[in-house]
Amino acid sequence: MPAEIRQKLHLSPSGRLEWFMYGNTLHVVPVKEDTIAAFRGQGKEDSVARLLAERSKDNAHK
């Protein structure tokens, strides 16, 4: 990603991005470094617990 765009979005060179396709349009969304804080209050009951479990599984496979 060009430095100018990273600076505008306040992303570090190691910042993560998510890519989504909607029809023929590609959307690139920066992932917040603290995904738990970004997710808090957005989901259904026990969503944070499910997210933490998923992250633990992801980290175990690295």
C-alpha atoms as a PDB file:
ATOM      1  CA  MET A   1       0.000   0.000   0.000  1.00  0.00           C
ATOM      2  CA  PRO A   2       1.431   3.414  -0.881  1.00  0.00           C
ATOM      3  CA  ALA A   3       2.812   5.428   2.064  1.00  0.00           C
ATOM      4  CA  GLU A   4       0.491   8.358   1.297  1.00  0.00           C
ATOM      5  CA  ILE A   5      -2.598   6.169   1.788  1.00  0.00           C
ATOM      6  CA  ARG A   6      -1.155   4.531   4.940  1.00  0.00           C
ATOM      7  CA  GLN A   7      -0.512   7.980   6.430  1.00  0.00           C
ATOM      8  CA  LYS A   8      -3.985   9.226   5.568  1.00  0.00           C
ATOM      9  CA  LEU A   9      -5.558   6.173   7.240  1.00  0.00           C
ATOM     10  CA  HIS A  10      -3.075   6.205  10.161  1.00  0.00           C
ATOM     11  CA  LEU A  11      -1.834   2.698   9.322  1.00  0.00           C
ATOM     12  CA  SER A  12       1.599   1.317  10.068  1.00  0.00           C
ATOM     13  CA  PRO A  13       3.482  -0.538   7.328  1.00  0.00           C
ATOM     14  CA  SER A  14       2.628  -3.760   9.174  1.00  0.00           C
ATOM     15  CA  GLY A  15      -1.072  -2.844   9.557  1.00  0.00           C
ATOM     16  CA  ARG A  16      -3.556  -5.535   8.544  1.00  0.00           C
ATOM     17  CA  LEU A  17      -6.233  -5.153   5.907  1.00  0.00           C
ATOM     18  CA  GLU A  18      -9.383  -7.122   5.108  1.00  0.00           C
ATOM     19  CA  TRP A  19     -10.530  -7.509   1.521  1.00  0.00           C
ATOM     20  CA  PHE A  20     -14.203  -7.864   0.548  1.00  0.00           C
ATOM     21  CA  MET A  21     -15.853  -8.317  -2.840  1.00  0.00           C
ATOM     22  CA  TYR A  22     -19.302  -6.828  -3.419  1.00  0.00           C
ATOM     23  CA  GLY A  23     -20.288  -7.696  -6.954  1.00  0.00           C
ATOM     24  CA  ASN A  24     -17.454  -6.361  -9.120  1.00  0.00           C
ATOM     25  CA  THR A  25     -16.197  -3.924  -6.489  1.00  0.00           C
ATOM     26  CA  LEU A  26     -13.290  -4.619  -4.173  1.00  0.00           C
ATOM     27  CA  HIS A  27     -13.376  -2.995  -0.713  1.00  0.00           C
ATOM     28  CA  VAL A  28     -10.225  -2.861   1.394  1.00  0.00           C
ATOM     29  CA  VAL A  29     -10.816  -2.141   5.082  1.00  0.00           C
ATOM     30  CA  PRO A  30      -8.121  -1.527   7.701  1.00  0.00           C
ATOM     31  CA  VAL A  31      -8.324  -3.866  10.694  1.00  0.00           C
ATOM     32  CA  LYS A  32      -8.049  -2.139  14.053  1.00  0.00           C
ATOM     33  CA  GLU A  33      -5.038  -3.281  16.044  1.00  0.00           C
ATOM     34  CA  ASP A  34      -7.200  -3.976  19.092  1.00  0.00           C
ATOM     35  CA  THR A  35      -9.855  -6.107  17.418  1.00  0.00           C
ATOM     36  CA  ILE A  36     -11.513  -6.921  20.725  1.00  0.00           C
ATOM     37  CA  ALA A  37     -12.105  -3.245  21.544  1.00  0.00           C
ATOM     38  CA  ALA A  38     -13.340  -2.599  18.001  1.00  0.00           C
ATOM     39  CA  PHE A  39     -15.783  -5.503  18.242  1.00  0.00           C
ATOM     40  CA  ARG A  40     -17.075  -4.802  21.776  1.00  0.00           C
ATOM     41  CA  GLY A  41     -20.767  -3.899  21.839  1.00  0.00           C
ATOM     42  CA  GLN A  42     -21.366  -4.860  18.201  1.00  0.00           C
ATOM     43  CA  GLY A  43     -22.477  -8.458  18.449  1.00  0.00           C
ATOM     44  CA  LYS A  44     -24.972 -10.768  20.041  1.00  0.00           C
ATOM     45  CA  GLU A  45     -24.669 -12.262  23.503  1.00  0.00           C
ATOM     46  CA  ASP A  46     -21.308 -13.997  24.112  1.00  0.00           C
ATOM     47  CA  SER A  47     -19.876 -12.606  20.859  1.00  0.00           C
ATOM     48  CA  VAL A  48     -16.672 -11.459  22.544  1.00  0.00           C
ATOM     49  CA  ALA A  49     -16.150 -14.914  24.040  1.00  0.00           C
ATOM     50  CA  ARG A  50     -16.639 -16.491  20.597  1.00  0.00           C
ATOM     51  CA  LEU A  51     -14.224 -14.004  19.015  1.00  0.00           C
ATOM     52  CA  LEU A  52     -11.577 -14.711  21.661  1.00  0.00           C
ATOM     53  CA  ALA A  53     -11.965 -18.452  21.082  1.00  0.00           C
ATOM     54  CA  GLU A  54     -11.578 -17.977  17.316  1.00  0.00           C
ATOM     55  CA  ARG A  55      -8.469 -15.807  17.786  1.00  0.00           C
ATOM     56  CA  SER A  56      -6.961 -18.437  20.093  1.00  0.00           C
ATOM     57  CA  LYS A  57      -7.512 -21.119  17.445  1.00  0.00           C
ATOM     58  CA  ASP A  58      -6.004 -18.852  14.766  1.00  0.00           C
ATOM     59  CA  ASN A  59      -2.944 -18.163  16.909  1.00  0.00           C
ATOM     60  CA  ALA A  60      -2.476 -21.868  17.659  1.00  0.00           C
ATOM     61  CA  HIS A  61      -2.172 -22.584  13.917  1.00  0.00           C
ATOM     62  CA  LYS A  62       0.576 -19.986  13.299  1.00  0.00           C
END
